[in-house]
């Protein structure tokens, strides 16, 4: 390996004890069951203490200080549950899911932010330039814009820890990594099935969004890139460009009017994530990230002379 080529180390140590459950797919399934039970408890606490009884209430809270507290509480509980699963079932540390801040991972966090910003900005600009969307009003709700950054960061971290962290990490120990990526993409998409206006296009696109968020992880085993990309995608799509985010509308700088003639491109009331333009971009970005972050063969391996 050349001196300037970054080293990405595996997250599991070969000297670690064997998992309590030897099958990665079963550990992933158990985690989903535990998560469903814990989520019911989190929902009850959120409803009682924060007066959140519907998706509309939760979206309204995102742009207030309550949103930070709610998502921070949810993230803390999730980290606790995940740490217990890692400690007693996987027999690994929770940090080994991919929380290293050593170079080059910290750099890749910012790369994820830039990719997320670039992707959603490209979609917005193309749709605006062809008349598929029109900006009807511009506001600068400074307080909500600032509050939504930590709130959406905590929310993105939750989803990435669950899907790309625990589930993908364990499924790769039972299946080919690309099969595991496809399975987690499906889980990621189905987790949005109760969102308003969810349909076949949204199902397919969010599966592909799972590929974009997961392709880095299967090569580098680190969560910071997908967390950064996920945060930037949601923040700029909703808080800046004013599109619904997976069917849910948040306060934004821009107020958009969608041309119904272009619903197949724009995603309609579900937002950009259900449009065919997004589908094309997701395929291009997945392939690009694959070739950018896949392990590079060592350049310093000397050819072994053949014996005669």
C-alpha atoms as a PDB file:
ATOM      1  CA  UNK A   1       0.000   0.000   0.000  1.00  0.00           C
ATOM      2  CA  UNK A   2       1.351   3.391  -0.899  1.00  0.00           C
ATOM      3  CA  UNK A   3       2.224   5.847   1.821  1.00  0.00           C
ATOM      4  CA  UNK A   4      -0.458   8.346   0.773  1.00  0.00           C
ATOM      5  CA  UNK A   5      -3.285   5.845   0.397  1.00  0.00           C
ATOM      6  CA  UNK A   6      -5.709   6.008   3.388  1.00  0.00           C
ATOM      7  CA  UNK A   7      -6.162   2.888   5.455  1.00  0.00           C
ATOM      8  CA  UNK A   8      -9.663   1.747   6.347  1.00  0.00           C
ATOM      9  CA  UNK A   9      -9.640  -0.886   9.054  1.00  0.00           C
ATOM     10  CA  UNK A  10     -12.309  -3.487   9.617  1.00  0.00           C
ATOM     11  CA  UNK A  11     -14.597  -2.823  12.546  1.00  0.00           C
ATOM     12  CA  UNK A  12     -14.634  -6.348  13.981  1.00  0.00           C
ATOM     13  CA  UNK A  13     -11.583  -7.721  15.653  1.00  0.00           C
ATOM     14  CA  UNK A  14     -10.712 -11.308  14.781  1.00  0.00           C
ATOM     15  CA  UNK A  15      -9.858 -11.912  18.446  1.00  0.00           C
ATOM     16  CA  UNK A  16     -13.353 -10.908  19.643  1.00  0.00           C
ATOM     17  CA  UNK A  17     -15.556 -13.609  21.192  1.00  0.00           C
ATOM     18  CA  UNK A  18     -18.078 -15.374  18.985  1.00  0.00           C
ATOM     19  CA  UNK A  19     -21.597 -13.871  18.893  1.00  0.00           C
ATOM     20  CA  UNK A  20     -24.229 -15.347  21.212  1.00  0.00           C
ATOM     21  CA  UNK A  21     -26.332 -16.049  18.096  1.00  0.00           C
ATOM     22  CA  UNK A  22     -24.087 -17.273  15.269  1.00  0.00           C
ATOM     23  CA  UNK A  23     -26.351 -16.217  12.382  1.00  0.00           C
ATOM     24  CA  UNK A  24     -26.170 -12.574  11.394  1.00  0.00           C
ATOM     25  CA  UNK A  25     -29.614 -12.641   9.749  1.00  0.00           C
ATOM     26  CA  UNK A  26     -31.197 -13.875  12.989  1.00  0.00           C
ATOM     27  CA  UNK A  27     -29.452 -11.190  15.031  1.00  0.00           C
ATOM     28  CA  UNK A  28     -30.803  -8.599  12.571  1.00  0.00           C
ATOM     29  CA  UNK A  29     -34.320 -10.031  12.862  1.00  0.00           C
ATOM     30  CA  UNK A  30     -34.121 -10.048  16.660  1.00  0.00           C
ATOM     31  CA  UNK A  31     -32.990  -6.429  16.587  1.00  0.00           C
ATOM     32  CA  UNK A  32     -36.042  -5.471  14.494  1.00  0.00           C
ATOM     33  CA  UNK A  33     -38.364  -7.184  16.993  1.00  0.00           C
ATOM     34  CA  UNK A  34     -36.688  -5.450  19.938  1.00  0.00           C
ATOM     35  CA  UNK A  35     -36.793  -2.151  18.067  1.00  0.00           C
ATOM     36  CA  UNK A  36     -40.529  -2.413  17.410  1.00  0.00           C
ATOM     37  CA  UNK A  37     -41.193  -3.009  21.112  1.00  0.00           C
ATOM     38  CA  UNK A  38     -38.906  -0.178  22.204  1.00  0.00           C
ATOM     39  CA  UNK A  39     -40.434   2.163  19.599  1.00  0.00           C
ATOM     40  CA  UNK A  40     -43.874   1.633  21.140  1.00  0.00           C
ATOM     41  CA  UNK A  41     -42.463   2.730  24.484  1.00  0.00           C
ATOM     42  CA  UNK A  42     -40.724   5.727  22.925  1.00  0.00           C
ATOM     43  CA  UNK A  43     -43.956   6.698  21.194  1.00  0.00           C
ATOM     44  CA  UNK A  44     -45.870   6.549  24.479  1.00  0.00           C
ATOM     45  CA  UNK A  45     -43.298   8.700  26.287  1.00  0.00           C
ATOM     46  CA  UNK A  46     -43.178  11.190  23.404  1.00  0.00           C
ATOM     47  CA  UNK A  47     -46.972  11.467  23.362  1.00  0.00           C
ATOM     48  CA  UNK A  48     -47.288  11.978  27.108  1.00  0.00           C
ATOM     49  CA  UNK A  49     -44.385  14.341  27.726  1.00  0.00           C
ATOM     50  CA  UNK A  50     -44.246  16.246  24.424  1.00  0.00           C
ATOM     51  CA  UNK A  51     -47.926  16.075  23.365  1.00  0.00           C
ATOM     52  CA  UNK A  52     -47.020  14.365  20.081  1.00  0.00           C
ATOM     53  CA  UNK A  53     -49.962  12.272  18.891  1.00  0.00           C
ATOM     54  CA  UNK A  54     -49.642  12.290  15.107  1.00  0.00           C
ATOM     55  CA  UNK A  55     -47.149  12.637  12.261  1.00  0.00           C
ATOM     56  CA  UNK A  56     -48.310  16.220  11.830  1.00  0.00           C
ATOM     57  CA  UNK A  57     -47.492  16.972  15.479  1.00  0.00           C
ATOM     58  CA  UNK A  58     -44.035  15.444  15.073  1.00  0.00           C
ATOM     59  CA  UNK A  59     -43.309  17.464  11.929  1.00  0.00           C
ATOM     60  CA  UNK A  60     -44.446  20.659  13.658  1.00  0.00           C
ATOM     61  CA  UNK A  61     -42.098  19.896  16.556  1.00  0.00           C
ATOM     62  CA  UNK A  62     -39.072  19.442  14.286  1.00  0.00           C
ATOM     63  CA  UNK A  63     -38.807  23.189  13.735  1.00  0.00           C
ATOM     64  CA  UNK A  64     -38.993  23.955  17.477  1.00  0.00           C
ATOM     65  CA  UNK A  65     -36.732  23.271  20.449  1.00  0.00           C
ATOM     66  CA  UNK A  66     -39.019  20.374  21.330  1.00  0.00           C
ATOM     67  CA  UNK A  67     -37.862  18.626  18.171  1.00  0.00           C
ATOM     68  CA  UNK A  68     -34.265  18.656  19.387  1.00  0.00           C
ATOM     69  CA  UNK A  69     -35.278  17.154  22.743  1.00  0.00           C
ATOM     70  CA  UNK A  70     -37.514  14.514  21.156  1.00  0.00           C
ATOM     71  CA  UNK A  71     -34.941  13.336  18.626  1.00  0.00           C
ATOM     72  CA  UNK A  72     -32.111  13.484  21.170  1.00  0.00           C
ATOM     73  CA  UNK A  73     -34.189  11.339  23.557  1.00  0.00           C
ATOM     74  CA  UNK A  74     -35.011   8.856  20.805  1.00  0.00           C
ATOM     75  CA  UNK A  75     -31.365   8.671  19.727  1.00  0.00           C
ATOM     76  CA  UNK A  76     -30.184   8.125  23.326  1.00  0.00           C
ATOM     77  CA  UNK A  77     -32.639   5.242  23.800  1.00  0.00           C
ATOM     78  CA  UNK A  78     -31.689   3.732  20.443  1.00  0.00           C
ATOM     79  CA  UNK A  79     -27.982   3.926  21.252  1.00  0.00           C
ATOM     80  CA  UNK A  80     -28.625   2.253  24.602  1.00  0.00           C
ATOM     81  CA  UNK A  81     -30.599  -0.591  23.019  1.00  0.00           C
ATOM     82  CA  UNK A  82     -28.042  -1.014  20.245  1.00  0.00           C
ATOM     83  CA  UNK A  83     -25.168  -1.026  22.743  1.00  0.00           C
ATOM     84  CA  UNK A  84     -26.883  -3.794  24.741  1.00  0.00           C
ATOM     85  CA  UNK A  85     -27.476  -5.841  21.596  1.00  0.00           C
ATOM     86  CA  UNK A  86     -23.871  -5.374  20.521  1.00  0.00           C
ATOM     87  CA  UNK A  87     -22.521  -6.243  23.970  1.00  0.00           C
ATOM     88  CA  UNK A  88     -24.588  -9.304  24.831  1.00  0.00           C
ATOM     89  CA  UNK A  89     -25.718 -10.697  21.455  1.00  0.00           C
ATOM     90  CA  UNK A  90     -23.051  -9.650  18.944  1.00  0.00           C
ATOM     91  CA  UNK A  91     -20.309  -9.483  21.606  1.00  0.00           C
ATOM     92  CA  UNK A  92     -18.825  -6.432  19.949  1.00  0.00           C
ATOM     93  CA  UNK A  93     -18.678  -2.789  20.986  1.00  0.00           C
ATOM     94  CA  UNK A  94     -21.284  -0.342  19.723  1.00  0.00           C
ATOM     95  CA  UNK A  95     -18.445   1.832  18.408  1.00  0.00           C
ATOM     96  CA  UNK A  96     -17.428  -0.994  16.098  1.00  0.00           C
ATOM     97  CA  UNK A  97     -20.577  -0.354  14.060  1.00  0.00           C
ATOM     98  CA  UNK A  98     -18.677   2.533  12.481  1.00  0.00           C
ATOM     99  CA  UNK A  99     -18.125   5.541  14.706  1.00  0.00           C
ATOM    100  CA  UNK A 100     -14.408   6.044  14.170  1.00  0.00           C
ATOM    101  CA  UNK A 101     -13.355   9.689  13.853  1.00  0.00           C
ATOM    102  CA  UNK A 102      -9.825   8.869  12.702  1.00  0.00           C
ATOM    103  CA  UNK A 103      -8.730  10.110   9.305  1.00  0.00           C
ATOM    104  CA  UNK A 104     -10.055   9.650   6.652  1.00  0.00           C
ATOM    105  CA  UNK A 105     -13.509   9.036   8.189  1.00  0.00           C
ATOM    106  CA  UNK A 106     -13.953  12.577   9.515  1.00  0.00           C
ATOM    107  CA  UNK A 107     -13.151  13.869   6.042  1.00  0.00           C
ATOM    108  CA  UNK A 108     -15.759  11.511   4.647  1.00  0.00           C
ATOM    109  CA  UNK A 109     -18.397  12.975   6.998  1.00  0.00           C
ATOM    110  CA  UNK A 110     -17.990  16.292   5.209  1.00  0.00           C
ATOM    111  CA  UNK A 111     -17.935  14.463   1.873  1.00  0.00           C
ATOM    112  CA  UNK A 112     -21.325  12.975   2.774  1.00  0.00           C
ATOM    113  CA  UNK A 113     -22.683  16.443   3.532  1.00  0.00           C
ATOM    114  CA  UNK A 114     -21.444  17.715   0.166  1.00  0.00           C
ATOM    115  CA  UNK A 115     -22.885  14.745  -1.743  1.00  0.00           C
ATOM    116  CA  UNK A 116     -26.275  15.185  -0.081  1.00  0.00           C
ATOM    117  CA  UNK A 117     -26.313  18.922  -0.798  1.00  0.00           C
ATOM    118  CA  UNK A 118     -25.149  18.407  -4.381  1.00  0.00           C
ATOM    119  CA  UNK A 119     -27.688  15.701  -5.171  1.00  0.00           C
ATOM    120  CA  UNK A 120     -30.773  17.509  -3.887  1.00  0.00           C
ATOM    121  CA  UNK A 121     -29.578  20.817  -5.369  1.00  0.00           C
ATOM    122  CA  UNK A 122     -29.149  19.215  -8.804  1.00  0.00           C
ATOM    123  CA  UNK A 123     -32.700  17.829  -8.637  1.00  0.00           C
ATOM    124  CA  UNK A 124     -34.130  21.190  -7.584  1.00  0.00           C
ATOM    125  CA  UNK A 125     -32.290  23.148 -10.280  1.00  0.00           C
ATOM    126  CA  UNK A 126     -33.266  20.773 -13.085  1.00  0.00           C
ATOM    127  CA  UNK A 127     -36.941  20.727 -12.048  1.00  0.00           C
ATOM    128  CA  UNK A 128     -37.003  24.514 -11.678  1.00  0.00           C
ATOM    129  CA  UNK A 129     -35.274  25.105 -15.019  1.00  0.00           C
ATOM    130  CA  UNK A 130     -37.835  23.030 -16.958  1.00  0.00           C
ATOM    131  CA  UNK A 131     -40.841  24.582 -15.210  1.00  0.00           C
ATOM    132  CA  UNK A 132     -41.807  21.495 -13.213  1.00  0.00           C
ATOM    133  CA  UNK A 133     -41.709  23.575 -10.026  1.00  0.00           C
ATOM    134  CA  UNK A 134     -42.102  27.285  -9.372  1.00  0.00           C
ATOM    135  CA  UNK A 135     -40.819  29.244  -6.383  1.00  0.00           C
ATOM    136  CA  UNK A 136     -43.803  31.323  -5.213  1.00  0.00           C
ATOM    137  CA  UNK A 137     -42.410  32.760  -1.990  1.00  0.00           C
ATOM    138  CA  UNK A 138     -39.137  33.084  -0.108  1.00  0.00           C
ATOM    139  CA  UNK A 139     -38.834  33.429   3.657  1.00  0.00           C
ATOM    140  CA  UNK A 140     -35.992  33.095   6.137  1.00  0.00           C
ATOM    141  CA  UNK A 141     -37.374  31.496   9.315  1.00  0.00           C
ATOM    142  CA  UNK A 142     -33.985  31.736  11.008  1.00  0.00           C
ATOM    143  CA  UNK A 143     -34.960  30.099  14.304  1.00  0.00           C
ATOM    144  CA  UNK A 144     -36.501  27.020  12.682  1.00  0.00           C
ATOM    145  CA  UNK A 145     -33.619  26.748  10.192  1.00  0.00           C
ATOM    146  CA  UNK A 146     -31.100  26.618  13.045  1.00  0.00           C
ATOM    147  CA  UNK A 147     -33.192  24.311  15.231  1.00  0.00           C
ATOM    148  CA  UNK A 148     -33.750  21.820  12.419  1.00  0.00           C
ATOM    149  CA  UNK A 149     -30.027  21.141  11.979  1.00  0.00           C
ATOM    150  CA  UNK A 150     -29.504  19.230  15.278  1.00  0.00           C
ATOM    151  CA  UNK A 151     -33.026  17.823  15.128  1.00  0.00           C
ATOM    152  CA  UNK A 152     -32.536  16.333  11.665  1.00  0.00           C
ATOM    153  CA  UNK A 153     -29.000  15.237  12.554  1.00  0.00           C
ATOM    154  CA  UNK A 154     -30.327  13.170  15.467  1.00  0.00           C
ATOM    155  CA  UNK A 155     -33.079  11.748  13.236  1.00  0.00           C
ATOM    156  CA  UNK A 156     -30.618  10.837  10.453  1.00  0.00           C
ATOM    157  CA  UNK A 157     -28.246   9.243  12.977  1.00  0.00           C
ATOM    158  CA  UNK A 158     -31.088   7.079  14.301  1.00  0.00           C
ATOM    159  CA  UNK A 159     -31.959   5.698  10.867  1.00  0.00           C
ATOM    160  CA  UNK A 160     -28.343   5.124   9.889  1.00  0.00           C
ATOM    161  CA  UNK A 161     -27.496   3.318  13.145  1.00  0.00           C
ATOM    162  CA  UNK A 162     -30.492   1.036  12.663  1.00  0.00           C
ATOM    163  CA  UNK A 163     -30.300   0.291   8.937  1.00  0.00           C
ATOM    164  CA  UNK A 164     -26.719   0.821   7.772  1.00  0.00           C
ATOM    165  CA  UNK A 165     -25.157   0.176  11.184  1.00  0.00           C
ATOM    166  CA  UNK A 166     -26.760  -2.777  12.908  1.00  0.00           C
ATOM    167  CA  UNK A 167     -28.849  -4.421  10.184  1.00  0.00           C
ATOM    168  CA  UNK A 168     -26.428  -4.130   7.267  1.00  0.00           C
ATOM    169  CA  UNK A 169     -23.455  -5.003   9.467  1.00  0.00           C
ATOM    170  CA  UNK A 170     -25.076  -8.240  10.627  1.00  0.00           C
ATOM    171  CA  UNK A 171     -26.662  -9.212   7.321  1.00  0.00           C
ATOM    172  CA  UNK A 172     -23.253  -8.990   5.639  1.00  0.00           C
ATOM    173  CA  UNK A 173     -22.149 -11.777   7.965  1.00  0.00           C
ATOM    174  CA  UNK A 174     -24.843 -14.078   6.523  1.00  0.00           C
ATOM    175  CA  UNK A 175     -25.122 -12.931   2.907  1.00  0.00           C
ATOM    176  CA  UNK A 176     -23.075 -11.487   0.083  1.00  0.00           C
ATOM    177  CA  UNK A 177     -22.614  -7.777   0.874  1.00  0.00           C
ATOM    178  CA  UNK A 178     -24.603  -6.672  -2.159  1.00  0.00           C
ATOM    179  CA  UNK A 179     -27.490  -8.970  -1.232  1.00  0.00           C
ATOM    180  CA  UNK A 180     -27.345  -7.514   2.291  1.00  0.00           C
ATOM    181  CA  UNK A 181     -27.403  -4.023   0.789  1.00  0.00           C
ATOM    182  CA  UNK A 182     -30.524  -4.868  -1.234  1.00  0.00           C
ATOM    183  CA  UNK A 183     -32.289  -6.328   1.817  1.00  0.00           C
ATOM    184  CA  UNK A 184     -31.585  -3.282   3.962  1.00  0.00           C
ATOM    185  CA  UNK A 185     -32.672  -1.010   1.111  1.00  0.00           C
ATOM    186  CA  UNK A 186     -36.036  -2.799   1.148  1.00  0.00           C
ATOM    187  CA  UNK A 187     -36.313  -2.499   4.940  1.00  0.00           C
ATOM    188  CA  UNK A 188     -35.417   1.188   4.713  1.00  0.00           C
ATOM    189  CA  UNK A 189     -38.125   1.779   2.123  1.00  0.00           C
ATOM    190  CA  UNK A 190     -40.828  -0.189   3.957  1.00  0.00           C
ATOM    191  CA  UNK A 191     -40.126   1.867   7.084  1.00  0.00           C
ATOM    192  CA  UNK A 192     -41.602   4.825   5.145  1.00  0.00           C
ATOM    193  CA  UNK A 193     -44.708   2.987   3.912  1.00  0.00           C
ATOM    194  CA  UNK A 194     -47.067   4.727   6.343  1.00  0.00           C
ATOM    195  CA  UNK A 195     -45.943   8.198   5.241  1.00  0.00           C
ATOM    196  CA  UNK A 196     -48.510  10.280   3.317  1.00  0.00           C
ATOM    197  CA  UNK A 197     -48.645   9.693  -0.468  1.00  0.00           C
ATOM    198  CA  UNK A 198     -46.344   6.641  -0.307  1.00  0.00           C
ATOM    199  CA  UNK A 199     -46.637   4.591  -3.502  1.00  0.00           C
ATOM    200  CA  UNK A 200     -44.760   2.346  -5.920  1.00  0.00           C
ATOM    201  CA  UNK A 201     -42.437   5.114  -7.147  1.00  0.00           C
ATOM    202  CA  UNK A 202     -41.579   6.112  -3.582  1.00  0.00           C
ATOM    203  CA  UNK A 203     -40.985   2.452  -2.672  1.00  0.00           C
ATOM    204  CA  UNK A 204     -38.536   1.974  -5.559  1.00  0.00           C
ATOM    205  CA  UNK A 205     -36.734   5.277  -5.047  1.00  0.00           C
ATOM    206  CA  UNK A 206     -36.232   4.853  -1.312  1.00  0.00           C
ATOM    207  CA  UNK A 207     -34.827   1.373  -1.924  1.00  0.00           C
ATOM    208  CA  UNK A 208     -32.312   3.006  -4.268  1.00  0.00           C
ATOM    209  CA  UNK A 209     -31.684   5.730  -1.687  1.00  0.00           C
ATOM    210  CA  UNK A 210     -30.776   2.877   0.651  1.00  0.00           C
ATOM    211  CA  UNK A 211     -28.205   1.779  -1.942  1.00  0.00           C
ATOM    212  CA  UNK A 212     -26.691   5.284  -2.025  1.00  0.00           C
ATOM    213  CA  UNK A 213     -26.501   5.434   1.774  1.00  0.00           C
ATOM    214  CA  UNK A 214     -25.221   1.870   2.121  1.00  0.00           C
ATOM    215  CA  UNK A 215     -22.693   1.474  -0.706  1.00  0.00           C
ATOM    216  CA  UNK A 216     -20.095   3.477   1.231  1.00  0.00           C
ATOM    217  CA  UNK A 217     -20.728   1.404   4.378  1.00  0.00           C
ATOM    218  CA  UNK A 218     -20.200  -1.982   2.752  1.00  0.00           C
ATOM    219  CA  UNK A 219     -16.785  -0.795   1.571  1.00  0.00           C
ATOM    220  CA  UNK A 220     -15.677   1.256   4.578  1.00  0.00           C
ATOM    221  CA  UNK A 221     -17.763   0.033   7.558  1.00  0.00           C
ATOM    222  CA  UNK A 222     -18.227   3.563   8.879  1.00  0.00           C
ATOM    223  CA  UNK A 223     -21.438   5.509   9.526  1.00  0.00           C
ATOM    224  CA  UNK A 224     -20.297   9.116   9.214  1.00  0.00           C
ATOM    225  CA  UNK A 225     -20.591   9.399   5.424  1.00  0.00           C
ATOM    226  CA  UNK A 226     -24.218   8.139   5.273  1.00  0.00           C
ATOM    227  CA  UNK A 227     -25.189  10.228   8.319  1.00  0.00           C
ATOM    228  CA  UNK A 228     -23.792  13.345   6.638  1.00  0.00           C
ATOM    229  CA  UNK A 229     -25.442  12.577   3.313  1.00  0.00           C
ATOM    230  CA  UNK A 230     -28.772  11.742   4.979  1.00  0.00           C
ATOM    231  CA  UNK A 231     -28.723  14.964   7.021  1.00  0.00           C
ATOM    232  CA  UNK A 232     -27.879  17.202   4.061  1.00  0.00           C
ATOM    233  CA  UNK A 233     -30.448  15.515   1.803  1.00  0.00           C
ATOM    234  CA  UNK A 234     -33.317  15.990   4.290  1.00  0.00           C
ATOM    235  CA  UNK A 235     -32.290  19.472   5.402  1.00  0.00           C
ATOM    236  CA  UNK A 236     -31.836  21.036   1.983  1.00  0.00           C
ATOM    237  CA  UNK A 237     -34.818  19.229   0.474  1.00  0.00           C
ATOM    238  CA  UNK A 238     -37.244  20.431   3.151  1.00  0.00           C
ATOM    239  CA  UNK A 239     -35.811  23.363   5.098  1.00  0.00           C
ATOM    240  CA  UNK A 240     -34.211  25.135   2.124  1.00  0.00           C
ATOM    241  CA  UNK A 241     -35.921  24.068  -1.100  1.00  0.00           C
ATOM    242  CA  UNK A 242     -39.391  23.577   0.400  1.00  0.00           C
ATOM    243  CA  UNK A 243     -40.191  20.134  -1.003  1.00  0.00           C
ATOM    244  CA  UNK A 244     -42.044  17.582   1.105  1.00  0.00           C
ATOM    245  CA  UNK A 245     -39.588  15.076   2.616  1.00  0.00           C
ATOM    246  CA  UNK A 246     -40.983  11.560   2.209  1.00  0.00           C
ATOM    247  CA  UNK A 247     -44.495  13.014   2.136  1.00  0.00           C
ATOM    248  CA  UNK A 248     -43.985  15.240   5.187  1.00  0.00           C
ATOM    249  CA  UNK A 249     -43.821  19.017   4.859  1.00  0.00           C
ATOM    250  CA  UNK A 250     -41.535  21.139   7.041  1.00  0.00           C
ATOM    251  CA  UNK A 251     -41.096  24.934   7.127  1.00  0.00           C
ATOM    252  CA  UNK A 252     -38.722  26.001   4.363  1.00  0.00           C
ATOM    253  CA  UNK A 253     -36.999  29.006   2.888  1.00  0.00           C
ATOM    254  CA  UNK A 254     -38.792  28.472  -0.418  1.00  0.00           C
ATOM    255  CA  UNK A 255     -42.465  27.802  -1.011  1.00  0.00           C
ATOM    256  CA  UNK A 256     -42.924  25.683  -4.115  1.00  0.00           C
ATOM    257  CA  UNK A 257     -45.779  25.166  -6.518  1.00  0.00           C
ATOM    258  CA  UNK A 258     -45.622  21.805  -8.286  1.00  0.00           C
ATOM    259  CA  UNK A 259     -46.798  21.582 -11.895  1.00  0.00           C
ATOM    260  CA  UNK A 260     -49.104  18.522 -11.928  1.00  0.00           C
ATOM    261  CA  UNK A 261     -48.084  17.757 -15.506  1.00  0.00           C
ATOM    262  CA  UNK A 262     -44.654  16.823 -14.173  1.00  0.00           C
ATOM    263  CA  UNK A 263     -45.718  14.741 -11.159  1.00  0.00           C
ATOM    264  CA  UNK A 264     -43.813  11.701 -12.410  1.00  0.00           C
ATOM    265  CA  UNK A 265     -40.623  13.789 -12.410  1.00  0.00           C
ATOM    266  CA  UNK A 266     -41.188  15.845  -9.252  1.00  0.00           C
ATOM    267  CA  UNK A 267     -42.716  13.140  -7.054  1.00  0.00           C
ATOM    268  CA  UNK A 268     -45.862  15.171  -6.465  1.00  0.00           C
ATOM    269  CA  UNK A 269     -47.109  15.387  -2.886  1.00  0.00           C
ATOM    270  CA  UNK A 270     -44.537  12.858  -1.665  1.00  0.00           C
ATOM    271  CA  UNK A 271     -41.727  15.153  -2.739  1.00  0.00           C
ATOM    272  CA  UNK A 272     -38.626  14.785  -4.877  1.00  0.00           C
ATOM    273  CA  UNK A 273     -37.956  11.299  -3.467  1.00  0.00           C
ATOM    274  CA  UNK A 274     -40.796   9.816  -5.565  1.00  0.00           C
ATOM    275  CA  UNK A 275     -39.766  11.380  -8.892  1.00  0.00           C
ATOM    276  CA  UNK A 276     -38.137   9.655 -11.844  1.00  0.00           C
ATOM    277  CA  UNK A 277     -35.472  12.338 -12.029  1.00  0.00           C
ATOM    278  CA  UNK A 278     -34.401  11.319  -8.533  1.00  0.00           C
ATOM    279  CA  UNK A 279     -34.377   7.663  -9.585  1.00  0.00           C
ATOM    280  CA  UNK A 280     -31.945   8.384 -12.409  1.00  0.00           C
ATOM    281  CA  UNK A 281     -29.685  10.413 -10.145  1.00  0.00           C
ATOM    282  CA  UNK A 282     -29.699   7.732  -7.426  1.00  0.00           C
ATOM    283  CA  UNK A 283     -28.494   5.098  -9.903  1.00  0.00           C
ATOM    284  CA  UNK A 284     -25.701   7.382 -11.139  1.00  0.00           C
ATOM    285  CA  UNK A 285     -24.596   8.292  -7.614  1.00  0.00           C
ATOM    286  CA  UNK A 286     -24.664   4.675  -6.376  1.00  0.00           C
ATOM    287  CA  UNK A 287     -22.366   3.580  -9.200  1.00  0.00           C
ATOM    288  CA  UNK A 288     -20.110   6.613  -8.655  1.00  0.00           C
ATOM    289  CA  UNK A 289     -19.783   6.012  -4.907  1.00  0.00           C
ATOM    290  CA  UNK A 290     -19.094   2.328  -5.504  1.00  0.00           C
ATOM    291  CA  UNK A 291     -16.086   3.047  -7.686  1.00  0.00           C
ATOM    292  CA  UNK A 292     -14.952   5.926  -5.487  1.00  0.00           C
ATOM    293  CA  UNK A 293     -14.958   4.055  -2.166  1.00  0.00           C
ATOM    294  CA  UNK A 294     -14.426   0.401  -3.034  1.00  0.00           C
ATOM    295  CA  UNK A 295     -11.128  -1.013  -1.740  1.00  0.00           C
ATOM    296  CA  UNK A 296      -8.229  -0.272  -4.060  1.00  0.00           C
ATOM    297  CA  UNK A 297      -5.711  -2.998  -4.820  1.00  0.00           C
ATOM    298  CA  UNK A 298      -2.307  -2.384  -3.276  1.00  0.00           C
ATOM    299  CA  UNK A 299       0.155  -0.793  -5.677  1.00  0.00           C
ATOM    300  CA  UNK A 300       3.154  -2.013  -3.765  1.00  0.00           C
ATOM    301  CA  UNK A 301       2.553  -5.728  -4.139  1.00  0.00           C
ATOM    302  CA  UNK A 302       5.557  -7.068  -5.971  1.00  0.00           C
ATOM    303  CA  UNK A 303       5.031  -9.772  -8.515  1.00  0.00           C
ATOM    304  CA  UNK A 304       6.391 -13.097  -7.367  1.00  0.00           C
ATOM    305  CA  UNK A 305       8.854 -14.556  -9.856  1.00  0.00           C
ATOM    306  CA  UNK A 306       7.804 -17.920 -11.145  1.00  0.00           C
ATOM    307  CA  UNK A 307      10.103 -20.831 -10.504  1.00  0.00           C
ATOM    308  CA  UNK A 308      11.486 -22.697 -13.505  1.00  0.00           C
END
